[in-house]
């Protein structure tokens, strides 16, 4: 649920298997909600999140607080 509607994130059931290490990559890290959902999907499938990489991170929205415990790398921060 979002403040302005509903959204969903899906992954093939065979995309990640137990023991797989996964690097999650996105163009923008704002509130961290999408990345947190992606992390949950990978971990529910038995995978391990090796890191999170984004092109742009919006620092004022403090997404890193939602992603504590994960290695987050940003190319550009605003």
PDB file of N, CA and C in Angstrom:
ATOM      1  N   UNK A   1       0.831  -1.189   0.000  1.00  0.00           N
ATOM      2  CA  UNK A   1       0.000   0.000   0.000  1.00  0.00           C
ATOM      3  C   UNK A   1       0.872   1.248   0.000  1.00  0.00           C
ATOM      4  N   UNK A   2       0.473   2.207  -0.778  1.00  0.00           N
ATOM      5  CA  UNK A   2       1.168   3.483  -0.849  1.00  0.00           C
ATOM      6  C   UNK A   2       0.195   4.585  -0.459  1.00  0.00           C
ATOM      7  N   UNK A   3       0.737   5.770  -0.184  1.00  0.00           N
ATOM      8  CA  UNK A   3      -0.143   6.873   0.205  1.00  0.00           C
ATOM      9  C   UNK A   3      -1.090   7.259  -0.921  1.00  0.00           C
ATOM     10  N   UNK A   4      -0.736   6.918  -2.167  1.00  0.00           N
ATOM     11  CA  UNK A   4      -1.558   7.304  -3.307  1.00  0.00           C
ATOM     12  C   UNK A   4      -2.151   6.117  -4.063  1.00  0.00           C
ATOM     13  N   UNK A   5      -2.008   4.900  -3.538  1.00  0.00           N
ATOM     14  CA  UNK A   5      -2.590   3.751  -4.213  1.00  0.00           C
ATOM     15  C   UNK A   5      -1.929   2.449  -3.825  1.00  0.00           C
ATOM     16  N   UNK A   6      -2.077   1.459  -4.675  1.00  0.00           N
ATOM     17  CA  UNK A   6      -1.533   0.120  -4.443  1.00  0.00           C
ATOM     18  C   UNK A   6      -0.470  -0.174  -5.500  1.00  0.00           C
ATOM     19  N   UNK A   7       0.485  -1.005  -5.146  1.00  0.00           N
ATOM     20  CA  UNK A   7       1.515  -1.408  -6.074  1.00  0.00           C
ATOM     21  C   UNK A   7       1.930  -2.829  -5.760  1.00  0.00           C
ATOM     22  N   UNK A   8       2.561  -3.496  -6.716  1.00  0.00           N
ATOM     23  CA  UNK A   8       3.025  -4.855  -6.459  1.00  0.00           C
ATOM     24  C   UNK A   8       4.377  -5.070  -7.118  1.00  0.00           C
ATOM     25  N   UNK A   9       5.101  -6.022  -6.596  1.00  0.00           N
ATOM     26  CA  UNK A   9       6.405  -6.401  -7.108  1.00  0.00           C
ATOM     27  C   UNK A   9       6.407  -7.912  -7.196  1.00  0.00           C
ATOM     28  N   UNK A  10       6.801  -8.454  -8.339  1.00  0.00           N
ATOM     29  CA  UNK A  10       6.760  -9.895  -8.539  1.00  0.00           C
ATOM     30  C   UNK A  10       8.106 -10.414  -9.024  1.00  0.00           C
ATOM     31  N   UNK A  11       8.334 -11.710  -8.775  1.00  0.00           N
ATOM     32  CA  UNK A  11       9.549 -12.366  -9.205  1.00  0.00           C
ATOM     33  C   UNK A  11       9.201 -13.805  -9.563  1.00  0.00           C
ATOM     34  N   UNK A  12       9.800 -14.343 -10.606  1.00  0.00           N
ATOM     35  CA  UNK A  12       9.567 -15.749 -10.948  1.00  0.00           C
ATOM     36  C   UNK A  12       9.977 -16.637  -9.778  1.00  0.00           C
ATOM     37  N   UNK A  13       9.222 -17.686  -9.532  1.00  0.00           N
ATOM     38  CA  UNK A  13       9.521 -18.567  -8.398  1.00  0.00           C
ATOM     39  C   UNK A  13      10.858 -19.271  -8.553  1.00  0.00           C
ATOM     40  N   UNK A  14      11.340 -19.432  -9.788  1.00  0.00           N
ATOM     41  CA  UNK A  14      12.620 -20.103  -9.984  1.00  0.00           C
ATOM     42  C   UNK A  14      13.771 -19.130 -10.268  1.00  0.00           C
ATOM     43  N   UNK A  15      13.544 -17.836 -10.067  1.00  0.00           N
ATOM     44  CA  UNK A  15      14.577 -16.841 -10.355  1.00  0.00           C
ATOM     45  C   UNK A  15      15.728 -16.901  -9.354  1.00  0.00           C
ATOM     46  N   UNK A  16      15.440 -17.251  -8.125  1.00  0.00           N
ATOM     47  CA  UNK A  16      16.450 -17.329  -7.071  1.00  0.00           C
ATOM     48  C   UNK A  16      16.257 -18.640  -6.327  1.00  0.00           C
ATOM     49  N   UNK A  17      17.352 -19.331  -6.100  1.00  0.00           N
ATOM     50  CA  UNK A  17      17.299 -20.588  -5.349  1.00  0.00           C
ATOM     51  C   UNK A  17      18.089 -20.440  -4.054  1.00  0.00           C
ATOM     52  N   UNK A  18      17.872 -21.354  -3.158  1.00  0.00           N
ATOM     53  CA  UNK A  18      18.589 -21.334  -1.879  1.00  0.00           C
ATOM     54  C   UNK A  18      20.090 -21.267  -2.129  1.00  0.00           C
ATOM     55  N   UNK A  19      20.741 -20.356  -1.428  1.00  0.00           N
ATOM     56  CA  UNK A  19      22.186 -20.212  -1.548  1.00  0.00           C
ATOM     57  C   UNK A  19      22.647 -19.220  -2.594  1.00  0.00           C
ATOM     58  N   UNK A  20      21.756 -18.775  -3.478  1.00  0.00           N
ATOM     59  CA  UNK A  20      22.152 -17.777  -4.480  1.00  0.00           C
ATOM     60  C   UNK A  20      22.445 -16.443  -3.794  1.00  0.00           C
ATOM     61  N   UNK A  21      23.507 -15.789  -4.244  1.00  0.00           N
ATOM     62  CA  UNK A  21      23.812 -14.434  -3.793  1.00  0.00           C
ATOM     63  C   UNK A  21      23.317 -13.472  -4.868  1.00  0.00           C
ATOM     64  N   UNK A  22      22.577 -12.444  -4.462  1.00  0.00           N
ATOM     65  CA  UNK A  22      21.903 -11.549  -5.408  1.00  0.00           C
ATOM     66  C   UNK A  22      22.310 -10.107  -5.145  1.00  0.00           C
ATOM     67  N   UNK A  23      22.672  -9.404  -6.218  1.00  0.00           N
ATOM     68  CA  UNK A  23      22.899  -7.967  -6.156  1.00  0.00           C
ATOM     69  C   UNK A  23      21.648  -7.302  -6.723  1.00  0.00           C
ATOM     70  N   UNK A  24      20.988  -6.496  -5.919  1.00  0.00           N
ATOM     71  CA  UNK A  24      19.784  -5.779  -6.357  1.00  0.00           C
ATOM     72  C   UNK A  24      20.199  -4.413  -6.888  1.00  0.00           C
ATOM     73  N   UNK A  25      19.727  -4.072  -8.096  1.00  0.00           N
ATOM     74  CA  UNK A  25      20.101  -2.825  -8.756  1.00  0.00           C
ATOM     75  C   UNK A  25      18.839  -2.074  -9.161  1.00  0.00           C
ATOM     76  N   UNK A  26      18.816  -0.771  -8.878  1.00  0.00           N
ATOM     77  CA  UNK A  26      17.675   0.067  -9.255  1.00  0.00           C
ATOM     78  C   UNK A  26      18.202   1.428  -9.687  1.00  0.00           C
ATOM     79  N   UNK A  27      17.373   2.176 -10.384  1.00  0.00           N
ATOM     80  CA  UNK A  27      17.799   3.499 -10.834  1.00  0.00           C
ATOM     81  C   UNK A  27      17.720   4.538  -9.715  1.00  0.00           C
ATOM     82  N   UNK A  28      16.718   4.433  -8.847  1.00  0.00           N
ATOM     83  CA  UNK A  28      16.492   5.463  -7.841  1.00  0.00           C
ATOM     84  C   UNK A  28      16.161   4.843  -6.481  1.00  0.00           C
ATOM     85  N   UNK A  29      16.803   5.353  -5.448  1.00  0.00           N
ATOM     86  CA  UNK A  29      16.481   4.971  -4.073  1.00  0.00           C
ATOM     87  C   UNK A  29      15.901   6.203  -3.393  1.00  0.00           C
ATOM     88  N   UNK A  30      14.608   6.155  -3.104  1.00  0.00           N
ATOM     89  CA  UNK A  30      13.924   7.287  -2.478  1.00  0.00           C
ATOM     90  C   UNK A  30      13.577   6.921  -1.032  1.00  0.00           C
ATOM     91  N   UNK A  31      12.424   6.313  -0.806  1.00  0.00           N
ATOM     92  CA  UNK A  31      12.030   5.940   0.562  1.00  0.00           C
ATOM     93  C   UNK A  31      12.536   4.559   0.942  1.00  0.00           C
ATOM     94  N   UNK A  32      12.924   3.758  -0.046  1.00  0.00           N
ATOM     95  CA  UNK A  32      13.424   2.411   0.228  1.00  0.00           C
ATOM     96  C   UNK A  32      12.369   1.329   0.197  1.00  0.00           C
ATOM     97  N   UNK A  33      11.126   1.684  -0.040  1.00  0.00           N
ATOM     98  CA  UNK A  33      10.044   0.704  -0.025  1.00  0.00           C
ATOM     99  C   UNK A  33      10.167  -0.365  -1.097  1.00  0.00           C
ATOM    100  N   UNK A  34      10.488   0.046  -2.317  1.00  0.00           N
ATOM    101  CA  UNK A  34      10.632  -0.922  -3.402  1.00  0.00           C
ATOM    102  C   UNK A  34      11.807  -1.851  -3.143  1.00  0.00           C
ATOM    103  N   UNK A  35      12.919  -1.297  -2.687  1.00  0.00           N
ATOM    104  CA  UNK A  35      14.094  -2.129  -2.427  1.00  0.00           C
ATOM    105  C   UNK A  35      13.847  -3.067  -1.250  1.00  0.00           C
ATOM    106  N   UNK A  36      13.168  -2.610  -0.228  1.00  0.00           N
ATOM    107  CA  UNK A  36      12.842  -3.479   0.909  1.00  0.00           C
ATOM    108  C   UNK A  36      11.959  -4.642   0.456  1.00  0.00           C
ATOM    109  N   UNK A  37      11.019  -4.374  -0.452  1.00  0.00           N
ATOM    110  CA  UNK A  37      10.162  -5.434  -0.977  1.00  0.00           C
ATOM    111  C   UNK A  37      10.972  -6.426  -1.805  1.00  0.00           C
ATOM    112  N   UNK A  38      11.902  -5.926  -2.608  1.00  0.00           N
ATOM    113  CA  UNK A  38      12.760  -6.805  -3.408  1.00  0.00           C
ATOM    114  C   UNK A  38      13.632  -7.679  -2.510  1.00  0.00           C
ATOM    115  N   UNK A  39      14.139  -7.108  -1.441  1.00  0.00           N
ATOM    116  CA  UNK A  39      14.940  -7.872  -0.480  1.00  0.00           C
ATOM    117  C   UNK A  39      14.107  -9.004   0.116  1.00  0.00           C
ATOM    118  N   UNK A  40      12.874  -8.692   0.500  1.00  0.00           N
ATOM    119  CA  UNK A  40      11.982  -9.721   1.067  1.00  0.00           C
ATOM    120  C   UNK A  40      11.742 -10.848   0.073  1.00  0.00           C
ATOM    121  N   UNK A  41      11.523 -10.518  -1.191  1.00  0.00           N
ATOM    122  CA  UNK A  41      11.294 -11.538  -2.213  1.00  0.00           C
ATOM    123  C   UNK A  41      12.506 -12.469  -2.350  1.00  0.00           C
ATOM    124  N   UNK A  42      13.691 -11.891  -2.418  1.00  0.00           N
ATOM    125  CA  UNK A  42      14.912 -12.690  -2.554  1.00  0.00           C
ATOM    126  C   UNK A  42      15.090 -13.593  -1.345  1.00  0.00           C
ATOM    127  N   UNK A  43      14.912 -13.042  -0.152  1.00  0.00           N
ATOM    128  CA  UNK A  43      15.123 -13.827   1.067  1.00  0.00           C
ATOM    129  C   UNK A  43      14.047 -14.899   1.247  1.00  0.00           C
ATOM    130  N   UNK A  44      12.823 -14.609   0.872  1.00  0.00           N
ATOM    131  CA  UNK A  44      11.765 -15.623   0.958  1.00  0.00           C
ATOM    132  C   UNK A  44      12.037 -16.788   0.016  1.00  0.00           C
ATOM    133  N   UNK A  45      12.741 -16.522  -1.078  1.00  0.00           N
ATOM    134  CA  UNK A  45      13.090 -17.576  -2.028  1.00  0.00           C
ATOM    135  C   UNK A  45      14.325 -18.352  -1.585  1.00  0.00           C
ATOM    136  N   UNK A  46      14.949 -17.927  -0.482  1.00  0.00           N
ATOM    137  CA  UNK A  46      16.128 -18.621   0.028  1.00  0.00           C
ATOM    138  C   UNK A  46      17.447 -18.002  -0.384  1.00  0.00           C
ATOM    139  N   UNK A  47      17.385 -16.889  -1.109  1.00  0.00           N
ATOM    140  CA  UNK A  47      18.602 -16.219  -1.559  1.00  0.00           C
ATOM    141  C   UNK A  47      19.173 -15.303  -0.496  1.00  0.00           C
ATOM    142  N   UNK A  48      20.391 -14.859  -0.748  1.00  0.00           N
ATOM    143  CA  UNK A  48      21.087 -13.929   0.146  1.00  0.00           C
ATOM    144  C   UNK A  48      21.338 -12.647  -0.632  1.00  0.00           C
ATOM    145  N   UNK A  49      20.977 -11.509  -0.064  1.00  0.00           N
ATOM    146  CA  UNK A  49      21.216 -10.225  -0.721  1.00  0.00           C
ATOM    147  C   UNK A  49      22.669  -9.841  -0.473  1.00  0.00           C
ATOM    148  N   UNK A  50      23.467  -9.863  -1.550  1.00  0.00           N
ATOM    149  CA  UNK A  50      24.887  -9.538  -1.459  1.00  0.00           C
ATOM    150  C   UNK A  50      25.100  -8.030  -1.371  1.00  0.00           C
ATOM    151  N   UNK A  51      24.160  -7.251  -1.892  1.00  0.00           N
ATOM    152  CA  UNK A  51      24.271  -5.807  -1.849  1.00  0.00           C
ATOM    153  C   UNK A  51      23.146  -5.145  -2.611  1.00  0.00           C
ATOM    154  N   UNK A  52      23.089  -3.831  -2.456  1.00  0.00           N
ATOM    155  CA  UNK A  52      22.086  -2.997  -3.116  1.00  0.00           C
ATOM    156  C   UNK A  52      22.856  -1.894  -3.832  1.00  0.00           C
ATOM    157  N   UNK A  53      22.612  -1.723  -5.124  1.00  0.00           N
ATOM    158  CA  UNK A  53      23.270  -0.671  -5.903  1.00  0.00           C
ATOM    159  C   UNK A  53      22.211   0.177  -6.581  1.00  0.00           C
ATOM    160  N   UNK A  54      22.385   1.493  -6.506  1.00  0.00           N
ATOM    161  CA  UNK A  54      21.452   2.414  -7.150  1.00  0.00           C
ATOM    162  C   UNK A  54      22.232   3.496  -7.881  1.00  0.00           C
ATOM    163  N   UNK A  55      21.605   4.057  -8.891  1.00  0.00           N
ATOM    164  CA  UNK A  55      22.237   5.151  -9.626  1.00  0.00           C
ATOM    165  C   UNK A  55      22.120   6.434  -8.813  1.00  0.00           C
ATOM    166  N   UNK A  56      20.894   6.759  -8.365  1.00  0.00           N
ATOM    167  CA  UNK A  56      20.639   8.000  -7.629  1.00  0.00           C
ATOM    168  C   UNK A  56      19.985   7.682  -6.294  1.00  0.00           C
ATOM    169  N   UNK A  57      20.480   8.303  -5.229  1.00  0.00           N
ATOM    170  CA  UNK A  57      19.879   8.174  -3.899  1.00  0.00           C
ATOM    171  C   UNK A  57      19.450   9.554  -3.413  1.00  0.00           C
ATOM    172  N   UNK A  58      18.204   9.669  -2.976  1.00  0.00           N
ATOM    173  CA  UNK A  58      17.688  10.922  -2.405  1.00  0.00           C
ATOM    174  C   UNK A  58      17.874  10.869  -0.890  1.00  0.00           C
ATOM    175  N   UNK A  59      18.899  11.530  -0.392  1.00  0.00           N
ATOM    176  CA  UNK A  59      19.305  11.407   1.009  1.00  0.00           C
ATOM    177  C   UNK A  59      18.254  11.888   2.002  1.00  0.00           C
ATOM    178  N   UNK A  60      17.509  12.946   1.673  1.00  0.00           N
ATOM    179  CA  UNK A  60      16.535  13.504   2.618  1.00  0.00           C
ATOM    180  C   UNK A  60      15.414  12.534   2.981  1.00  0.00           C
ATOM    181  N   UNK A  61      15.210  11.499   2.163  1.00  0.00           N
ATOM    182  CA  UNK A  61      14.130  10.548   2.424  1.00  0.00           C
ATOM    183  C   UNK A  61      14.587   9.379   3.296  1.00  0.00           C
ATOM    184  N   UNK A  62      15.878   9.309   3.622  1.00  0.00           N
ATOM    185  CA  UNK A  62      16.444   8.369   4.610  1.00  0.00           C
ATOM    186  C   UNK A  62      16.102   6.901   4.356  1.00  0.00           C
ATOM    187  N   UNK A  63      16.233   6.480   3.116  1.00  0.00           N
ATOM    188  CA  UNK A  63      15.940   5.085   2.775  1.00  0.00           C
ATOM    189  C   UNK A  63      16.877   4.114   3.484  1.00  0.00           C
ATOM    190  N   UNK A  64      18.092   4.534   3.771  1.00  0.00           N
ATOM    191  CA  UNK A  64      19.066   3.633   4.403  1.00  0.00           C
ATOM    192  C   UNK A  64      18.594   3.125   5.759  1.00  0.00           C
ATOM    193  N   UNK A  65      17.748   3.887   6.429  1.00  0.00           N
ATOM    194  CA  UNK A  65      17.228   3.418   7.722  1.00  0.00           C
ATOM    195  C   UNK A  65      16.339   2.194   7.531  1.00  0.00           C
ATOM    196  N   UNK A  66      15.684   2.066   6.388  1.00  0.00           N
ATOM    197  CA  UNK A  66      14.865   0.884   6.072  1.00  0.00           C
ATOM    198  C   UNK A  66      15.713  -0.289   5.617  1.00  0.00           C
ATOM    199  N   UNK A  67      16.935   0.009   5.185  1.00  0.00           N
ATOM    200  CA  UNK A  67      17.797  -1.019   4.603  1.00  0.00           C
ATOM    201  C   UNK A  67      18.989  -1.339   5.500  1.00  0.00           C
ATOM    202  N   UNK A  68      18.842  -1.096   6.795  1.00  0.00           N
ATOM    203  CA  UNK A  68      19.932  -1.402   7.739  1.00  0.00           C
ATOM    204  C   UNK A  68      20.324  -2.868   7.631  1.00  0.00           C
ATOM    205  N   UNK A  69      21.618  -3.099   7.680  1.00  0.00           N
ATOM    206  CA  UNK A  69      22.123  -4.461   7.611  1.00  0.00           C
ATOM    207  C   UNK A  69      22.473  -4.892   6.194  1.00  0.00           C
ATOM    208  N   UNK A  70      22.208  -4.042   5.219  1.00  0.00           N
ATOM    209  CA  UNK A  70      22.524  -4.351   3.828  1.00  0.00           C
ATOM    210  C   UNK A  70      23.544  -3.337   3.313  1.00  0.00           C
ATOM    211  N   UNK A  71      24.447  -3.800   2.470  1.00  0.00           N
ATOM    212  CA  UNK A  71      25.453  -2.939   1.867  1.00  0.00           C
ATOM    213  C   UNK A  71      24.800  -2.164   0.730  1.00  0.00           C
ATOM    214  N   UNK A  72      24.725  -0.840   0.869  1.00  0.00           N
ATOM    215  CA  UNK A  72      24.072   0.015  -0.127  1.00  0.00           C
ATOM    216  C   UNK A  72      25.118   0.906  -0.787  1.00  0.00           C
ATOM    217  N   UNK A  73      25.153   0.897  -2.129  1.00  0.00           N
ATOM    218  CA  UNK A  73      26.082   1.709  -2.901  1.00  0.00           C
ATOM    219  C   UNK A  73      25.298   2.607  -3.844  1.00  0.00           C
ATOM    220  N   UNK A  74      25.619   3.893  -3.833  1.00  0.00           N
ATOM    221  CA  UNK A  74      24.971   4.874  -4.710  1.00  0.00           C
ATOM    222  C   UNK A  74      26.019   5.540  -5.580  1.00  0.00           C
ATOM    223  N   UNK A  75      25.712   5.714  -6.876  1.00  0.00           N
ATOM    224  CA  UNK A  75      26.619   6.453  -7.748  1.00  0.00           C
ATOM    225  C   UNK A  75      26.531   7.951  -7.482  1.00  0.00           C
ATOM    226  N   UNK A  76      25.310   8.448  -7.292  1.00  0.00           N
ATOM    227  CA  UNK A  76      25.069   9.876  -7.086  1.00  0.00           C
ATOM    228  C   UNK A  76      24.095  10.038  -5.929  1.00  0.00           C
ATOM    229  N   UNK A  77      24.353  11.033  -5.062  1.00  0.00           N
ATOM    230  CA  UNK A  77      23.410  11.321  -3.968  1.00  0.00           C
ATOM    231  C   UNK A  77      22.975  12.773  -4.054  1.00  0.00           C
ATOM    232  N   UNK A  78      21.699  13.012  -3.747  1.00  0.00           N
ATOM    233  CA  UNK A  78      21.139  14.365  -3.720  1.00  0.00           C
ATOM    234  C   UNK A  78      20.478  14.583  -2.390  1.00  0.00           C
TER     235      UNK A  78
END
